[in-house]
Amino acid sequence: MRPMLATKADHLPTGEGWSHEVKWDGVRILADVREGSGGRARLVTRNGNDASIAWPDVHDSPLGDRDLLVDGEIIGLNADGLPDFGVLQERMHVRSATTAARLAERVPATYMVFDLLRLDGEDLTARPLAERRELLEGLGLSGTWQVPASYDDGAMLLDATLQQGLEGVVSKRLSSRYTFDARSPHWVKLAHRHRFSYVVAGWRPQEGTSDRLAALLVGEPTPEGLMYRGRVGSGIGGAASRLLTDLLAGSERETSAFADEVPRVDATGTRWVEPLVVVDVDTHSRTPGKRLRQPSYRGVRTDLGPDDLMEDPA
């Protein structure tokens, strides 16, 4: 069970047949609540993994054990009060209930529920989005489960999200049905931020050390292979360095996995790894050759694999 995905667009659709929502900078989650569960939801990531233990402040349904399946995004707020994927990094990888509870107090999460896929045992996925949204809004979700607003005016929302520092807009055709594990042309997304997801294929230690990870070498999967996009060192503090070191441990290889040549200044001293881990990177811009300018590490994407990037899920 994997969620339906939106298609990247360079402009928003117009007309009465569309609704527009904020594009949240968080973790995509399907929440499955079964009758007799005591209201405890099974939280499933975009990749189909059970992430229930990581989100104790979200996994209890405000409707008790009423049967339902919903789609949404778990968000956390940064110091500026904006949804920020980076603040959820520490929570995403937790596998201990005790640790998860402690982090939930320090970094509280909210589940932004934007679609209703099953209710009281009835599969709603074949119904048009307009009907599903009406049913969802009538449920009265509250607390850590919230139903975000949808808007008729996409241009207004696009401008408002830009002014407020939000990630962007997702537009959805009101007549669209919900198809699991599919990228739909009936949902389109337009992001403001220059944030992209890349695959890690190497790392460099801090100068004067042999094991302190200080920079990543990242690439973009293409039909021609993994193409080098640059070296990312900014944003990798102590906690991020330890997390990345653990994730990359055991994946070492003798040669570069990049299909093109890595500049000598970047390749020198690099520890090559299998291209398995995906990270988010903020960048000022990209050169005509798609090399990153002033890149900054933003976090690991455990919900994405290298194959996902071929369809540009960022």
C-alpha atoms as a PDB file:
ATOM      1  CA  MET A   1       0.000   0.000   0.000  1.00  0.00           C
ATOM      2  CA  ARG A   2       1.690   3.157  -1.271  1.00  0.00           C
ATOM      3  CA  PRO A   3       0.161   6.613  -1.812  1.00  0.00           C
ATOM      4  CA  MET A   4      -0.760   8.273  -5.075  1.00  0.00           C
ATOM      5  CA  LEU A   5       1.845  10.810  -6.203  1.00  0.00           C
ATOM      6  CA  ALA A   6       1.637  14.139  -7.990  1.00  0.00           C
ATOM      7  CA  THR A   7       3.331  15.012 -11.281  1.00  0.00           C
ATOM      8  CA  LYS A   8       5.802  17.889 -11.381  1.00  0.00           C
ATOM      9  CA  ALA A   9       4.575  20.940 -13.311  1.00  0.00           C
ATOM     10  CA  ASP A  10       5.947  24.318 -14.396  1.00  0.00           C
ATOM     11  CA  HIS A  11       2.584  26.058 -14.036  1.00  0.00           C
ATOM     12  CA  LEU A  12      -0.659  25.500 -12.159  1.00  0.00           C
ATOM     13  CA  PRO A  13      -3.863  24.431 -13.932  1.00  0.00           C
ATOM     14  CA  THR A  14      -6.805  26.805 -13.957  1.00  0.00           C
ATOM     15  CA  GLY A  15     -10.551  26.385 -14.135  1.00  0.00           C
ATOM     16  CA  GLU A  16     -13.417  25.238 -11.974  1.00  0.00           C
ATOM     17  CA  GLY A  17     -12.433  21.586 -12.238  1.00  0.00           C
ATOM     18  CA  TRP A  18      -9.403  21.999  -9.956  1.00  0.00           C
ATOM     19  CA  SER A  19      -8.729  22.583  -6.276  1.00  0.00           C
ATOM     20  CA  HIS A  20      -5.423  23.794  -4.851  1.00  0.00           C
ATOM     21  CA  GLU A  21      -3.653  22.949  -1.586  1.00  0.00           C
ATOM     22  CA  VAL A  22      -0.447  23.896   0.187  1.00  0.00           C
ATOM     23  CA  LYS A  23       2.477  21.605  -0.650  1.00  0.00           C
ATOM     24  CA  TRP A  24       3.713  20.511   2.776  1.00  0.00           C
ATOM     25  CA  ASP A  25       7.407  20.040   3.551  1.00  0.00           C
ATOM     26  CA  GLY A  26       7.080  16.864   5.599  1.00  0.00           C
ATOM     27  CA  VAL A  27       6.790  13.072   5.570  1.00  0.00           C
ATOM     28  CA  ARG A  28       4.065  11.447   3.463  1.00  0.00           C
ATOM     29  CA  ILE A  29       2.007   8.961   5.498  1.00  0.00           C
ATOM     30  CA  LEU A  30      -1.034   6.730   5.008  1.00  0.00           C
ATOM     31  CA  ALA A  31      -2.882   6.173   8.309  1.00  0.00           C
ATOM     32  CA  ASP A  32      -4.917   2.956   8.534  1.00  0.00           C
ATOM     33  CA  VAL A  33      -7.330   2.571  11.460  1.00  0.00           C
ATOM     34  CA  ARG A  34      -9.313  -0.647  11.840  1.00  0.00           C
ATOM     35  CA  GLU A  35     -12.368  -1.264  13.969  1.00  0.00           C
ATOM     36  CA  GLY A  36     -11.309  -2.853  17.251  1.00  0.00           C
ATOM     37  CA  SER A  37      -7.827  -1.296  17.111  1.00  0.00           C
ATOM     38  CA  GLY A  38      -8.543   1.036  20.002  1.00  0.00           C
ATOM     39  CA  GLY A  39      -7.991   3.948  17.627  1.00  0.00           C
ATOM     40  CA  ARG A  40      -4.340   3.104  17.053  1.00  0.00           C
ATOM     41  CA  ALA A  41      -3.439   3.836  13.423  1.00  0.00           C
ATOM     42  CA  ARG A  42      -0.902   1.918  11.403  1.00  0.00           C
ATOM     43  CA  LEU A  43       1.269   4.617   9.831  1.00  0.00           C
ATOM     44  CA  VAL A  44       2.704   3.620   6.457  1.00  0.00           C
ATOM     45  CA  THR A  45       5.397   5.578   4.601  1.00  0.00           C
ATOM     46  CA  ARG A  46       5.541   6.348   0.928  1.00  0.00           C
ATOM     47  CA  ASN A  47       7.716   3.248   0.470  1.00  0.00           C
ATOM     48  CA  GLY A  48       5.215   0.995   2.258  1.00  0.00           C
ATOM     49  CA  ASN A  49       7.151   0.766   5.540  1.00  0.00           C
ATOM     50  CA  ASP A  50       5.468   0.771   8.954  1.00  0.00           C
ATOM     51  CA  ALA A  51       6.538   3.968  10.746  1.00  0.00           C
ATOM     52  CA  SER A  52       4.029   3.837  13.604  1.00  0.00           C
ATOM     53  CA  ILE A  53       6.630   3.666  16.364  1.00  0.00           C
ATOM     54  CA  ALA A  54       8.289   6.924  15.259  1.00  0.00           C
ATOM     55  CA  TRP A  55       5.167   9.082  15.662  1.00  0.00           C
ATOM     56  CA  PRO A  56       3.475   8.390  19.039  1.00  0.00           C
ATOM     57  CA  ASP A  57       1.873  11.844  19.029  1.00  0.00           C
ATOM     58  CA  VAL A  58       0.129  11.102  15.723  1.00  0.00           C
ATOM     59  CA  HIS A  59      -0.760   7.407  15.700  1.00  0.00           C
ATOM     60  CA  ASP A  60      -3.938   7.748  17.801  1.00  0.00           C
ATOM     61  CA  SER A  61      -6.964   8.617  15.668  1.00  0.00           C
ATOM     62  CA  PRO A  62      -9.160  11.451  17.010  1.00  0.00           C
ATOM     63  CA  LEU A  63     -12.161   9.317  15.922  1.00  0.00           C
ATOM     64  CA  GLY A  64     -11.241   6.382  18.142  1.00  0.00           C
ATOM     65  CA  ASP A  65     -11.440   3.003  16.448  1.00  0.00           C
ATOM     66  CA  ARG A  66     -13.790   4.125  13.683  1.00  0.00           C
ATOM     67  CA  ASP A  67     -12.648   2.342  10.521  1.00  0.00           C
ATOM     68  CA  LEU A  68     -10.851   4.655   8.087  1.00  0.00           C
ATOM     69  CA  LEU A  69      -7.855   5.055   5.815  1.00  0.00           C
ATOM     70  CA  VAL A  70      -6.502   8.550   5.164  1.00  0.00           C
ATOM     71  CA  ASP A  71      -3.623  10.113   3.251  1.00  0.00           C
ATOM     72  CA  GLY A  72      -1.613  13.073   4.461  1.00  0.00           C
ATOM     73  CA  GLU A  73       1.714  14.577   5.486  1.00  0.00           C
ATOM     74  CA  ILE A  74       3.340  14.679   8.906  1.00  0.00           C
ATOM     75  CA  ILE A  75       4.930  18.073   9.474  1.00  0.00           C
ATOM     76  CA  GLY A  76       7.084  19.732  12.110  1.00  0.00           C
ATOM     77  CA  LEU A  77       7.683  23.460  12.513  1.00  0.00           C
ATOM     78  CA  ASN A  78      11.081  25.140  12.534  1.00  0.00           C
ATOM     79  CA  ALA A  79      12.109  28.169  14.601  1.00  0.00           C
ATOM     80  CA  ASP A  80      10.362  30.448  12.103  1.00  0.00           C
ATOM     81  CA  GLY A  81       7.090  28.571  12.545  1.00  0.00           C
ATOM     82  CA  LEU A  82       7.240  27.034   9.062  1.00  0.00           C
ATOM     83  CA  PRO A  83       6.901  23.349   8.084  1.00  0.00           C
ATOM     84  CA  ASP A  84      10.429  22.044   7.589  1.00  0.00           C
ATOM     85  CA  PHE A  85      11.456  18.526   6.622  1.00  0.00           C
ATOM     86  CA  GLY A  86      14.797  19.087   8.340  1.00  0.00           C
ATOM     87  CA  VAL A  87      13.323  19.326  11.845  1.00  0.00           C
ATOM     88  CA  LEU A  88      11.795  15.848  11.465  1.00  0.00           C
ATOM     89  CA  GLN A  89      15.091  14.178  10.604  1.00  0.00           C
ATOM     90  CA  GLU A  90      15.891  12.947  14.091  1.00  0.00           C
ATOM     91  CA  ARG A  91      12.390  11.544  14.537  1.00  0.00           C
ATOM     92  CA  MET A  92      12.156   9.710  11.214  1.00  0.00           C
ATOM     93  CA  HIS A  93      14.808   7.146  12.032  1.00  0.00           C
ATOM     94  CA  VAL A  94      13.695   6.236  15.555  1.00  0.00           C
ATOM     95  CA  ARG A  95      13.019   2.564  16.279  1.00  0.00           C
ATOM     96  CA  SER A  96      12.663   2.838  20.068  1.00  0.00           C
ATOM     97  CA  ALA A  97       9.313   3.695  21.640  1.00  0.00           C
ATOM     98  CA  THR A  98      11.045   5.402  24.569  1.00  0.00           C
ATOM     99  CA  THR A  99      13.182   7.581  22.319  1.00  0.00           C
ATOM    100  CA  ALA A 100      10.197   8.359  20.085  1.00  0.00           C
ATOM    101  CA  ALA A 101       8.153   9.576  23.069  1.00  0.00           C
ATOM    102  CA  ARG A 102      10.998  11.807  24.256  1.00  0.00           C
ATOM    103  CA  LEU A 103      11.491  13.344  20.814  1.00  0.00           C
ATOM    104  CA  ALA A 104       7.748  13.888  20.401  1.00  0.00           C
ATOM    105  CA  GLU A 105       7.823  16.236  23.385  1.00  0.00           C
ATOM    106  CA  ARG A 106      10.744  18.211  21.953  1.00  0.00           C
ATOM    107  CA  VAL A 107       9.698  18.174  18.271  1.00  0.00           C
ATOM    108  CA  PRO A 108       5.900  17.831  18.159  1.00  0.00           C
ATOM    109  CA  ALA A 109       4.324  16.709  14.902  1.00  0.00           C
ATOM    110  CA  THR A 110       1.005  17.391  13.192  1.00  0.00           C
ATOM    111  CA  TYR A 111      -0.667  15.130  10.653  1.00  0.00           C
ATOM    112  CA  MET A 112      -2.111  17.184   7.773  1.00  0.00           C
ATOM    113  CA  VAL A 113      -4.834  14.884   6.391  1.00  0.00           C
ATOM    114  CA  PHE A 114      -5.818  15.766   2.815  1.00  0.00           C
ATOM    115  CA  ASP A 115      -7.642  12.685   1.500  1.00  0.00           C
ATOM    116  CA  LEU A 116     -10.081  10.020   2.730  1.00  0.00           C
ATOM    117  CA  LEU A 117      -9.723   6.610   1.080  1.00  0.00           C
ATOM    118  CA  ARG A 118     -11.868   4.308   3.247  1.00  0.00           C
ATOM    119  CA  LEU A 119     -14.588   4.960   5.792  1.00  0.00           C
ATOM    120  CA  ASP A 120     -16.589   2.477   7.862  1.00  0.00           C
ATOM    121  CA  GLY A 121     -15.412  -0.371   5.643  1.00  0.00           C
ATOM    122  CA  GLU A 122     -16.330   1.333   2.355  1.00  0.00           C
ATOM    123  CA  ASP A 123     -13.595   1.824  -0.263  1.00  0.00           C
ATOM    124  CA  LEU A 124     -13.837   5.451  -1.459  1.00  0.00           C
ATOM    125  CA  THR A 125     -10.954   5.487  -3.946  1.00  0.00           C
ATOM    126  CA  ALA A 126     -13.241   5.233  -7.004  1.00  0.00           C
ATOM    127  CA  ARG A 127     -15.222   8.280  -5.906  1.00  0.00           C
ATOM    128  CA  PRO A 128     -14.220  11.717  -7.233  1.00  0.00           C
ATOM    129  CA  LEU A 129     -11.935  13.831  -5.072  1.00  0.00           C
ATOM    130  CA  ALA A 130     -14.706  16.385  -4.508  1.00  0.00           C
ATOM    131  CA  GLU A 131     -16.804  13.732  -2.725  1.00  0.00           C
ATOM    132  CA  ARG A 132     -13.881  12.369  -0.736  1.00  0.00           C
ATOM    133  CA  ARG A 133     -12.952  15.853   0.472  1.00  0.00           C
ATOM    134  CA  GLU A 134     -16.525  16.610   1.506  1.00  0.00           C
ATOM    135  CA  LEU A 135     -16.655  13.433   3.567  1.00  0.00           C
ATOM    136  CA  LEU A 136     -13.222  14.161   5.057  1.00  0.00           C
ATOM    137  CA  GLU A 137     -14.157  17.681   6.103  1.00  0.00           C
ATOM    138  CA  GLY A 138     -17.296  16.328   7.770  1.00  0.00           C
ATOM    139  CA  LEU A 139     -15.370  13.991  10.077  1.00  0.00           C
ATOM    140  CA  GLY A 140     -14.385  16.738  12.505  1.00  0.00           C
ATOM    141  CA  LEU A 141     -10.729  15.732  12.835  1.00  0.00           C
ATOM    142  CA  SER A 142      -8.901  17.647  15.556  1.00  0.00           C
ATOM    143  CA  GLY A 143      -5.803  17.695  17.736  1.00  0.00           C
ATOM    144  CA  THR A 144      -2.726  16.350  15.999  1.00  0.00           C
ATOM    145  CA  TRP A 145      -4.839  15.373  12.968  1.00  0.00           C
ATOM    146  CA  GLN A 146      -5.841  18.428  10.948  1.00  0.00           C
ATOM    147  CA  VAL A 147      -7.577  18.853   7.584  1.00  0.00           C
ATOM    148  CA  PRO A 148      -5.825  21.643   5.645  1.00  0.00           C
ATOM    149  CA  ALA A 149      -7.890  24.017   3.547  1.00  0.00           C
ATOM    150  CA  SER A 150      -8.257  23.726  -0.211  1.00  0.00           C
ATOM    151  CA  TYR A 151      -8.714  26.745  -2.489  1.00  0.00           C
ATOM    152  CA  ASP A 152     -10.342  27.557  -5.816  1.00  0.00           C
ATOM    153  CA  ASP A 153      -7.775  30.202  -6.774  1.00  0.00           C
ATOM    154  CA  GLY A 154      -4.439  28.529  -7.496  1.00  0.00           C
ATOM    155  CA  ALA A 155      -2.653  31.733  -8.514  1.00  0.00           C
ATOM    156  CA  MET A 156      -3.613  33.384  -5.227  1.00  0.00           C
ATOM    157  CA  LEU A 157      -2.383  30.389  -3.235  1.00  0.00           C
ATOM    158  CA  LEU A 158       0.863  30.213  -5.193  1.00  0.00           C
ATOM    159  CA  ASP A 159       1.611  33.846  -4.405  1.00  0.00           C
ATOM    160  CA  ALA A 160       0.568  33.455  -0.763  1.00  0.00           C
ATOM    161  CA  THR A 161       2.764  30.391  -0.226  1.00  0.00           C
ATOM    162  CA  LEU A 162       5.710  32.215  -1.789  1.00  0.00           C
ATOM    163  CA  GLN A 163       5.223  35.231   0.490  1.00  0.00           C
ATOM    164  CA  GLN A 164       4.838  33.018   3.566  1.00  0.00           C
ATOM    165  CA  GLY A 165       7.913  30.910   2.831  1.00  0.00           C
ATOM    166  CA  LEU A 166       5.965  27.688   2.261  1.00  0.00           C
ATOM    167  CA  GLU A 167       7.130  24.986  -0.134  1.00  0.00           C
ATOM    168  CA  GLY A 168       4.596  25.388  -2.928  1.00  0.00           C
ATOM    169  CA  VAL A 169       1.215  24.219  -4.210  1.00  0.00           C
ATOM    170  CA  VAL A 170      -0.408  20.928  -5.208  1.00  0.00           C
ATOM    171  CA  SER A 171      -3.371  21.159  -7.602  1.00  0.00           C
ATOM    172  CA  LYS A 172      -5.867  18.303  -7.876  1.00  0.00           C
ATOM    173  CA  ARG A 173      -8.587  17.604 -10.395  1.00  0.00           C
ATOM    174  CA  LEU A 174     -11.885  17.463  -8.506  1.00  0.00           C
ATOM    175  CA  SER A 175     -13.117  14.537 -10.595  1.00  0.00           C
ATOM    176  CA  SER A 176     -10.003  12.422  -9.995  1.00  0.00           C
ATOM    177  CA  ARG A 177     -10.156   9.010  -8.378  1.00  0.00           C
ATOM    178  CA  TYR A 178      -7.378   7.756  -6.078  1.00  0.00           C
ATOM    179  CA  THR A 179      -4.945   5.174  -7.451  1.00  0.00           C
ATOM    180  CA  PHE A 180      -2.431   3.635  -5.044  1.00  0.00           C
ATOM    181  CA  ASP A 181       1.246   3.493  -6.020  1.00  0.00           C
ATOM    182  CA  ALA A 182       0.774   5.643  -9.137  1.00  0.00           C
ATOM    183  CA  ARG A 183       1.958   9.058 -10.295  1.00  0.00           C
ATOM    184  CA  SER A 184      -1.144  10.804 -11.525  1.00  0.00           C
ATOM    185  CA  PRO A 185      -1.455  13.578 -14.129  1.00  0.00           C
ATOM    186  CA  HIS A 186      -4.593  14.622 -12.238  1.00  0.00           C
ATOM    187  CA  TRP A 187      -2.470  15.802  -9.307  1.00  0.00           C
ATOM    188  CA  VAL A 188       0.267  18.313 -10.165  1.00  0.00           C
ATOM    189  CA  LYS A 189       2.781  20.083  -7.936  1.00  0.00           C
ATOM    190  CA  LEU A 190       4.751  23.295  -8.189  1.00  0.00           C
ATOM    191  CA  ALA A 191       7.460  24.031  -5.621  1.00  0.00           C
ATOM    192  CA  HIS A 192       9.086  27.380  -4.797  1.00  0.00           C
ATOM    193  CA  ARG A 193      12.248  26.187  -3.140  1.00  0.00           C
ATOM    194  CA  HIS A 194      15.392  25.144  -4.932  1.00  0.00           C
ATOM    195  CA  ARG A 195      15.430  21.853  -3.069  1.00  0.00           C
ATOM    196  CA  PHE A 196      16.265  18.597  -4.798  1.00  0.00           C
ATOM    197  CA  SER A 197      16.860  14.982  -3.851  1.00  0.00           C
ATOM    198  CA  TYR A 198      20.128  13.274  -4.800  1.00  0.00           C
ATOM    199  CA  VAL A 199      21.850   9.935  -4.345  1.00  0.00           C
ATOM    200  CA  VAL A 200      24.987   9.688  -2.198  1.00  0.00           C
ATOM    201  CA  ALA A 201      27.836   7.841  -3.914  1.00  0.00           C
ATOM    202  CA  GLY A 202      30.783   9.036  -1.852  1.00  0.00           C
ATOM    203  CA  TRP A 203      31.871  10.936   1.239  1.00  0.00           C
ATOM    204  CA  ARG A 204      34.921  12.850   2.409  1.00  0.00           C
ATOM    205  CA  PRO A 205      36.277  12.986   5.955  1.00  0.00           C
ATOM    206  CA  GLN A 206      37.008  16.204   7.769  1.00  0.00           C
ATOM    207  CA  GLU A 207      40.533  17.433   7.145  1.00  0.00           C
ATOM    208  CA  GLY A 208      42.923  15.938   9.666  1.00  0.00           C
ATOM    209  CA  THR A 209      40.628  12.996  10.457  1.00  0.00           C
ATOM    210  CA  SER A 210      39.998   9.624   8.858  1.00  0.00           C
ATOM    211  CA  ASP A 211      36.481   8.832  10.001  1.00  0.00           C
ATOM    212  CA  ARG A 212      34.652  12.125  10.664  1.00  0.00           C
ATOM    213  CA  LEU A 213      32.231  12.524   7.725  1.00  0.00           C
ATOM    214  CA  ALA A 214      32.238  16.155   6.580  1.00  0.00           C
ATOM    215  CA  ALA A 215      30.960  16.160   2.989  1.00  0.00           C
ATOM    216  CA  LEU A 216      28.920  14.070   0.564  1.00  0.00           C
ATOM    217  CA  LEU A 217      29.374  13.517  -3.152  1.00  0.00           C
ATOM    218  CA  VAL A 218      25.929  13.323  -4.721  1.00  0.00           C
ATOM    219  CA  GLY A 219      24.481  12.456  -8.090  1.00  0.00           C
ATOM    220  CA  GLU A 220      21.281  12.336 -10.110  1.00  0.00           C
ATOM    221  CA  PRO A 221      20.006   9.084 -11.647  1.00  0.00           C
ATOM    222  CA  THR A 222      19.489   9.406 -15.394  1.00  0.00           C
ATOM    223  CA  PRO A 223      18.954   6.920 -18.262  1.00  0.00           C
ATOM    224  CA  GLU A 224      22.709   7.252 -18.880  1.00  0.00           C
ATOM    225  CA  GLY A 225      23.577   6.357 -15.280  1.00  0.00           C
ATOM    226  CA  LEU A 226      24.288   8.263 -12.061  1.00  0.00           C
ATOM    227  CA  MET A 227      25.556  11.719 -13.063  1.00  0.00           C
ATOM    228  CA  TYR A 228      27.716  13.716 -10.665  1.00  0.00           C
ATOM    229  CA  ARG A 229      26.091  16.915  -9.357  1.00  0.00           C
ATOM    230  CA  GLY A 230      28.480  18.128  -6.688  1.00  0.00           C
ATOM    231  CA  ARG A 231      29.997  18.007  -3.220  1.00  0.00           C
ATOM    232  CA  VAL A 232      27.824  18.957  -0.234  1.00  0.00           C
ATOM    233  CA  GLY A 233      29.425  19.951   3.057  1.00  0.00           C
ATOM    234  CA  SER A 234      27.370  22.820   4.408  1.00  0.00           C
ATOM    235  CA  GLY A 235      24.669  21.764   6.848  1.00  0.00           C
ATOM    236  CA  ILE A 236      26.403  18.590   8.027  1.00  0.00           C
ATOM    237  CA  GLY A 237      26.813  19.077  11.769  1.00  0.00           C
ATOM    238  CA  GLY A 238      27.781  16.550  14.408  1.00  0.00           C
ATOM    239  CA  ALA A 239      24.438  14.736  14.631  1.00  0.00           C
ATOM    240  CA  ALA A 240      24.027  14.620  10.847  1.00  0.00           C
ATOM    241  CA  SER A 241      27.589  13.365  10.438  1.00  0.00           C
ATOM    242  CA  ARG A 242      26.998  10.469  12.836  1.00  0.00           C
ATOM    243  CA  LEU A 243      23.676   9.567  11.213  1.00  0.00           C
ATOM    244  CA  LEU A 244      25.177   9.556   7.726  1.00  0.00           C
ATOM    245  CA  THR A 245      28.195   7.570   8.880  1.00  0.00           C
ATOM    246  CA  ASP A 246      25.905   4.880  10.285  1.00  0.00           C
ATOM    247  CA  LEU A 247      23.732   4.797   7.154  1.00  0.00           C
ATOM    248  CA  LEU A 248      26.712   4.482   4.813  1.00  0.00           C
ATOM    249  CA  ALA A 249      28.594   1.925   6.912  1.00  0.00           C
ATOM    250  CA  GLY A 250      29.049  -1.375   5.138  1.00  0.00           C
ATOM    251  CA  SER A 251      28.350   0.005   1.651  1.00  0.00           C
ATOM    252  CA  GLU A 252      31.929   0.856   0.705  1.00  0.00           C
ATOM    253  CA  ARG A 253      33.231   0.108  -2.791  1.00  0.00           C
ATOM    254  CA  GLU A 254      36.601   0.491  -4.507  1.00  0.00           C
ATOM    255  CA  THR A 255      35.577   2.677  -7.438  1.00  0.00           C
ATOM    256  CA  SER A 256      33.188   5.523  -8.179  1.00  0.00           C
ATOM    257  CA  ALA A 257      29.587   4.670  -9.059  1.00  0.00           C
ATOM    258  CA  PHE A 258      29.195   7.882 -11.064  1.00  0.00           C
ATOM    259  CA  ALA A 259      28.786   7.417 -14.793  1.00  0.00           C
ATOM    260  CA  ASP A 260      30.706  10.608 -15.542  1.00  0.00           C
ATOM    261  CA  GLU A 261      34.047  11.880 -14.296  1.00  0.00           C
ATOM    262  CA  VAL A 262      34.277  13.459 -10.851  1.00  0.00           C
ATOM    263  CA  PRO A 263      36.640  16.472 -10.774  1.00  0.00           C
ATOM    264  CA  ARG A 264      39.951  15.656  -9.148  1.00  0.00           C
ATOM    265  CA  VAL A 265      39.463  18.316  -6.471  1.00  0.00           C
ATOM    266  CA  ASP A 266      36.318  16.488  -5.319  1.00  0.00           C
ATOM    267  CA  ALA A 267      37.506  12.919  -5.900  1.00  0.00           C
ATOM    268  CA  THR A 268      40.738  13.227  -3.938  1.00  0.00           C
ATOM    269  CA  GLY A 269      40.330  11.582  -0.534  1.00  0.00           C
ATOM    270  CA  THR A 270      36.766  10.442  -1.230  1.00  0.00           C
ATOM    271  CA  ARG A 271      35.442   7.164   0.209  1.00  0.00           C
ATOM    272  CA  TRP A 272      33.222   5.645  -2.478  1.00  0.00           C
ATOM    273  CA  VAL A 273      29.959   3.929  -1.488  1.00  0.00           C
ATOM    274  CA  GLU A 274      27.151   2.087  -3.227  1.00  0.00           C
ATOM    275  CA  PRO A 275      24.514   4.591  -4.455  1.00  0.00           C
ATOM    276  CA  LEU A 276      21.694   3.633  -2.074  1.00  0.00           C
ATOM    277  CA  VAL A 277      21.067   6.579   0.280  1.00  0.00           C
ATOM    278  CA  VAL A 278      18.987   9.578  -0.863  1.00  0.00           C
ATOM    279  CA  VAL A 279      19.386  13.046   0.681  1.00  0.00           C
ATOM    280  CA  ASP A 280      17.704  16.423   0.246  1.00  0.00           C
ATOM    281  CA  VAL A 281      19.881  19.363  -0.755  1.00  0.00           C
ATOM    282  CA  ASP A 282      19.079  23.074  -0.881  1.00  0.00           C
ATOM    283  CA  THR A 283      20.973  24.969  -3.553  1.00  0.00           C
ATOM    284  CA  HIS A 284      21.189  28.590  -4.640  1.00  0.00           C
ATOM    285  CA  SER A 285      20.913  27.441  -8.256  1.00  0.00           C
ATOM    286  CA  ARG A 286      22.375  24.922 -10.689  1.00  0.00           C
ATOM    287  CA  THR A 287      24.937  25.608 -13.413  1.00  0.00           C
ATOM    288  CA  PRO A 288      24.093  24.888 -17.066  1.00  0.00           C
ATOM    289  CA  GLY A 289      25.837  21.553 -16.467  1.00  0.00           C
ATOM    290  CA  LYS A 290      23.521  20.953 -13.476  1.00  0.00           C
ATOM    291  CA  ARG A 291      26.285  21.282 -10.872  1.00  0.00           C
ATOM    292  CA  LEU A 292      25.062  22.607  -7.539  1.00  0.00           C
ATOM    293  CA  ARG A 293      25.868  26.155  -6.457  1.00  0.00           C
ATOM    294  CA  GLN A 294      26.272  26.760  -2.717  1.00  0.00           C
ATOM    295  CA  PRO A 295      24.549  23.473  -1.777  1.00  0.00           C
ATOM    296  CA  SER A 296      23.426  22.733   1.768  1.00  0.00           C
ATOM    297  CA  TYR A 297      22.488  19.340   3.226  1.00  0.00           C
ATOM    298  CA  ARG A 298      18.893  19.198   4.510  1.00  0.00           C
ATOM    299  CA  GLY A 299      18.377  15.588   5.527  1.00  0.00           C
ATOM    300  CA  VAL A 300      18.071  11.919   4.589  1.00  0.00           C
ATOM    301  CA  ARG A 301      15.024  10.774   2.610  1.00  0.00           C
ATOM    302  CA  THR A 302      14.221   7.311   3.934  1.00  0.00           C
ATOM    303  CA  ASP A 303      10.943   7.520   2.027  1.00  0.00           C
ATOM    304  CA  LEU A 304      12.752   7.657  -1.328  1.00  0.00           C
ATOM    305  CA  GLY A 305      15.075   5.295  -3.147  1.00  0.00           C
ATOM    306  CA  PRO A 306      17.374   6.026  -6.108  1.00  0.00           C
ATOM    307  CA  ASP A 307      14.830   4.635  -8.571  1.00  0.00           C
ATOM    308  CA  ASP A 308      12.211   7.110  -7.349  1.00  0.00           C
ATOM    309  CA  LEU A 309      14.365  10.053  -8.456  1.00  0.00           C
ATOM    310  CA  MET A 310      14.112   9.041 -12.089  1.00  0.00           C
ATOM    311  CA  GLU A 311      10.560  10.460 -11.919  1.00  0.00           C
ATOM    312  CA  ASP A 312      11.596  13.536  -9.965  1.00  0.00           C
ATOM    313  CA  PRO A 313       9.586  13.095  -6.723  1.00  0.00           C
ATOM    314  CA  ALA A 314      11.116  16.093  -4.966  1.00  0.00           C
END
